[in-house]
């Protein structure tokens, strides 16, 4: 079980160094990423929030290219990062992926699945669904298909895996904070605060 962000198109991006990662694939976040992979993750997160201020009370975009690109990440009330939690069963060759419009910022909704009778949906096209059934958690890769691949995990195993997801996010955040201090010195505090919000982690 890994926290992931969906990789956006990289054509022409030159604001900071990034890795060559296939667009529309998923980049797993952890403390083991290279500096260029961290740059890719931050590019994708900022891109998800690169929305023009309209009638939402936000200030206009700065004139400079870097400030303009980061503006949404730094000013939007609700931040979004396309992605979520990926679960891979290598033995069964089954991968449970977040669907369209699912956001990494909502990863803690997995805790609802652990409640008795708990259920959560994670996007659409496909429509992944996780639900608790007794002492098991059932993961349907696409709940809209009767023949969808399914994974079943003990509740205690999901609890352990979710603790690992949180640790991966904590480790990635520490790595990203250091990367930001070196690559975005004029924005370090504001970007790391926004990133903590995206990852649903305490900013400190």
Protein backbone atom coordinates (compact mmCIF):
# COMPACT_ATOMS: atom_id res chain seq x y z
CA UNK A 1 0.00 0.00 0.00
CA UNK A 2 1.57 3.25 -1.19
CA UNK A 3 0.56 6.91 -1.40
CA UNK A 4 0.77 7.99 -5.05
CA UNK A 5 0.35 11.09 -7.20
CA UNK A 6 -0.70 10.97 -10.83
CA UNK A 7 2.04 12.27 -13.10
CA UNK A 8 0.95 15.14 -15.34
CA UNK A 9 2.35 16.16 -18.73
CA UNK A 10 5.87 17.55 -18.50
CA UNK A 11 6.28 19.14 -21.95
CA UNK A 12 8.26 22.35 -21.73
CA UNK A 13 8.44 22.47 -17.93
CA UNK A 14 11.66 24.24 -16.92
CA UNK A 15 10.99 25.93 -13.57
CA UNK A 16 13.04 23.31 -11.70
CA UNK A 17 14.65 19.92 -12.43
CA UNK A 18 12.26 16.99 -12.82
CA UNK A 19 12.52 13.29 -13.62
CA UNK A 20 11.38 11.72 -16.88
CA UNK A 21 8.27 9.87 -15.67
CA UNK A 22 5.55 8.62 -18.01
CA UNK A 23 2.53 10.96 -17.91
CA UNK A 24 -0.67 9.49 -16.44
CA UNK A 25 1.37 6.93 -14.51
CA UNK A 26 1.59 7.05 -10.72
CA UNK A 27 4.61 8.13 -8.70
CA UNK A 28 4.82 6.54 -5.25
CA UNK A 29 5.77 8.99 -2.51
CA UNK A 30 8.34 8.04 0.12
CA UNK A 31 11.61 9.13 1.59
CA UNK A 32 13.50 7.24 -1.11
CA UNK A 33 12.79 9.52 -4.07
CA UNK A 34 15.60 11.18 -5.99
CA UNK A 35 15.72 15.00 -6.03
CA UNK A 36 14.39 15.00 -9.60
CA UNK A 37 11.49 12.71 -8.57
CA UNK A 38 10.66 15.06 -5.70
CA UNK A 39 10.63 17.87 -8.26
CA UNK A 40 8.24 15.86 -10.42
CA UNK A 41 5.88 15.23 -7.49
CA UNK A 42 5.83 18.91 -6.56
CA UNK A 43 5.30 19.93 -10.17
CA UNK A 44 2.25 17.64 -10.39
CA UNK A 45 0.80 18.82 -7.08
CA UNK A 46 1.25 22.49 -8.04
CA UNK A 47 -0.20 21.80 -11.50
CA UNK A 48 -3.35 20.28 -9.98
CA UNK A 49 -3.97 23.60 -8.22
CA UNK A 50 -2.92 25.91 -11.07
CA UNK A 51 -6.35 27.55 -11.27
CA UNK A 52 -6.96 31.18 -12.25
CA UNK A 53 -8.36 33.40 -9.49
CA UNK A 54 -11.87 34.44 -10.48
CA UNK A 55 -14.54 35.33 -7.95
CA UNK A 56 -13.05 33.46 -5.00
CA UNK A 57 -11.39 36.42 -3.32
CA UNK A 58 -7.86 35.30 -4.11
CA UNK A 59 -5.28 37.86 -5.26
CA UNK A 60 -4.32 37.98 -8.95
CA UNK A 61 -1.45 35.91 -10.27
CA UNK A 62 2.05 37.37 -9.93
CA UNK A 63 3.70 38.42 -13.16
CA UNK A 64 6.74 36.14 -12.82
CA UNK A 65 6.47 32.61 -14.20
CA UNK A 66 7.43 30.76 -11.01
CA UNK A 67 5.13 32.81 -8.78
CA UNK A 68 2.31 32.39 -11.27
CA UNK A 69 2.71 28.60 -11.37
CA UNK A 70 2.78 28.29 -7.58
CA UNK A 71 -0.04 30.78 -7.03
CA UNK A 72 -2.89 28.28 -6.82
CA UNK A 73 -0.97 25.97 -4.49
CA UNK A 74 -0.27 28.91 -2.19
CA UNK A 75 -3.69 30.58 -2.26
CA UNK A 76 -6.47 28.02 -2.88
CA UNK A 77 -8.64 27.25 0.15
CA UNK A 78 -9.03 23.60 -0.84
CA UNK A 79 -6.01 21.91 -2.35
CA UNK A 80 -6.13 18.84 -4.60
CA UNK A 81 -3.52 16.34 -5.68
CA UNK A 82 -4.65 13.78 -8.25
CA UNK A 83 -3.83 10.36 -6.83
CA UNK A 84 -4.48 8.53 -3.59
CA UNK A 85 -3.51 5.12 -2.26
CA UNK A 86 -2.37 2.23 -4.44
CA UNK A 87 -2.61 -1.36 -3.22
CA UNK A 88 -0.61 -4.01 -5.07
CA UNK A 89 -0.87 -7.78 -4.70
CA UNK A 90 2.16 -9.01 -6.60
CA UNK A 91 1.24 -12.68 -6.13
CA UNK A 92 -2.21 -12.25 -7.69
CA UNK A 93 -1.05 -9.54 -10.13
CA UNK A 94 -3.90 -7.27 -8.99
CA UNK A 95 -3.50 -3.52 -8.51
CA UNK A 96 -6.08 -1.35 -6.74
CA UNK A 97 -5.66 2.19 -8.08
CA UNK A 98 -7.38 5.50 -7.29
CA UNK A 99 -9.87 6.52 -9.96
CA UNK A 100 -10.39 9.83 -11.73
CA UNK A 101 -10.94 12.86 -9.49
CA UNK A 102 -9.68 11.07 -6.38
CA UNK A 103 -7.24 13.15 -4.36
CA UNK A 104 -4.28 12.22 -2.20
CA UNK A 105 -5.41 14.86 0.30
CA UNK A 106 -8.30 12.55 1.27
CA UNK A 107 -6.12 9.53 2.04
CA UNK A 108 -7.29 9.46 5.67
CA UNK A 109 -10.75 8.40 4.45
CA UNK A 110 -9.27 4.91 4.47
CA UNK A 111 -9.74 4.97 8.24
CA UNK A 112 -13.52 4.94 7.65
CA UNK A 113 -13.14 1.59 5.92
CA UNK A 114 -11.82 0.07 9.15
CA UNK A 115 -14.99 0.90 11.05
CA UNK A 116 -17.61 -1.82 11.41
CA UNK A 117 -19.63 -1.70 8.19
CA UNK A 118 -17.23 0.92 6.81
CA UNK A 119 -17.06 1.71 3.11
CA UNK A 120 -15.30 4.27 0.94
CA UNK A 121 -15.16 5.02 -2.79
CA UNK A 122 -12.01 6.33 -4.45
CA UNK A 123 -12.94 7.98 -7.74
CA UNK A 124 -14.41 6.65 -10.98
CA UNK A 125 -13.41 5.23 -14.39
CA UNK A 126 -12.56 2.78 -12.85
CA UNK A 127 -14.63 2.94 -9.65
CA UNK A 128 -12.54 1.45 -6.85
CA UNK A 129 -14.32 0.66 -3.61
CA UNK A 130 -13.11 -0.60 -0.24
CA UNK A 131 -15.46 -1.99 2.39
CA UNK A 132 -15.18 -3.87 5.63
CA UNK A 133 -16.86 -7.25 5.87
CA UNK A 134 -16.37 -8.76 9.29
CA UNK A 135 -12.66 -9.12 9.95
CA UNK A 136 -11.75 -8.53 6.31
CA UNK A 137 -11.49 -5.50 4.06
CA UNK A 138 -12.66 -6.15 0.51
CA UNK A 139 -11.09 -4.06 -2.25
CA UNK A 140 -12.90 -4.07 -5.60
CA UNK A 141 -10.75 -2.66 -8.41
CA UNK A 142 -13.91 -1.56 -10.25
CA UNK A 143 -17.08 -1.91 -8.22
CA UNK A 144 -19.22 -1.21 -11.31
CA UNK A 145 -18.13 -4.49 -12.90
CA UNK A 146 -19.47 -7.78 -11.59
CA UNK A 147 -16.26 -9.58 -12.58
CA UNK A 148 -13.94 -6.97 -11.09
CA UNK A 149 -10.69 -8.23 -9.58
CA UNK A 150 -10.97 -8.23 -5.79
CA UNK A 151 -8.46 -8.21 -2.97
CA UNK A 152 -9.33 -9.27 0.56
CA UNK A 153 -7.13 -8.28 3.48
CA UNK A 154 -7.49 -8.75 7.24
CA UNK A 155 -8.45 -5.55 9.05
CA UNK A 156 -5.28 -5.73 11.13
CA UNK A 157 -3.20 -5.92 7.95
CA UNK A 158 -4.88 -2.82 6.52
CA UNK A 159 -4.23 -0.98 9.78
CA UNK A 160 -0.55 -1.87 9.53
CA UNK A 161 -0.39 -0.91 5.85
CA UNK A 162 -2.05 2.45 6.50
CA UNK A 163 0.52 3.18 9.18
CA UNK A 164 3.11 2.55 6.48
CA UNK A 165 1.33 4.97 4.14
CA UNK A 166 1.46 7.67 6.79
CA UNK A 167 5.16 7.03 7.40
CA UNK A 168 5.84 7.23 3.65
CA UNK A 169 4.09 10.61 3.57
CA UNK A 170 6.00 11.88 6.61
CA UNK A 171 9.28 10.78 5.02
CA UNK A 172 8.36 12.34 1.68
CA UNK A 173 7.39 15.58 3.38
CA UNK A 174 10.78 15.80 5.11
CA UNK A 175 12.51 15.15 1.79
CA UNK A 176 10.32 17.72 -0.01
CA UNK A 177 10.89 20.35 2.67
CA UNK A 178 14.66 19.99 2.20
CA UNK A 179 14.23 20.06 -1.59
CA UNK A 180 12.11 23.21 -1.37
CA UNK A 181 14.68 24.97 0.79
CA UNK A 182 17.32 24.29 -1.87
CA UNK A 183 15.26 24.86 -5.01
CA UNK A 184 12.58 27.40 -4.01
CA UNK A 185 14.30 29.53 -1.33
CA UNK A 186 11.86 32.42 -1.73
CA UNK A 187 8.86 30.15 -1.19
CA UNK A 188 10.12 27.56 1.31
CA UNK A 189 7.77 28.24 4.21
CA UNK A 190 4.65 28.77 2.11
CA UNK A 191 5.21 25.75 -0.13
CA UNK A 192 5.93 23.39 2.78
CA UNK A 193 2.82 24.64 4.62
CA UNK A 194 0.72 24.02 1.51
CA UNK A 195 2.30 20.62 1.01
CA UNK A 196 1.46 19.61 4.60
CA UNK A 197 -2.16 20.49 3.80
CA UNK A 198 -2.11 18.39 0.63
CA UNK A 199 -0.66 15.41 2.50
CA UNK A 200 -2.97 16.01 5.50
CA UNK A 201 0.00 16.12 7.86
CA UNK A 202 0.81 18.51 10.71
CA UNK A 203 2.91 21.38 9.22
CA UNK A 204 5.55 21.08 11.93
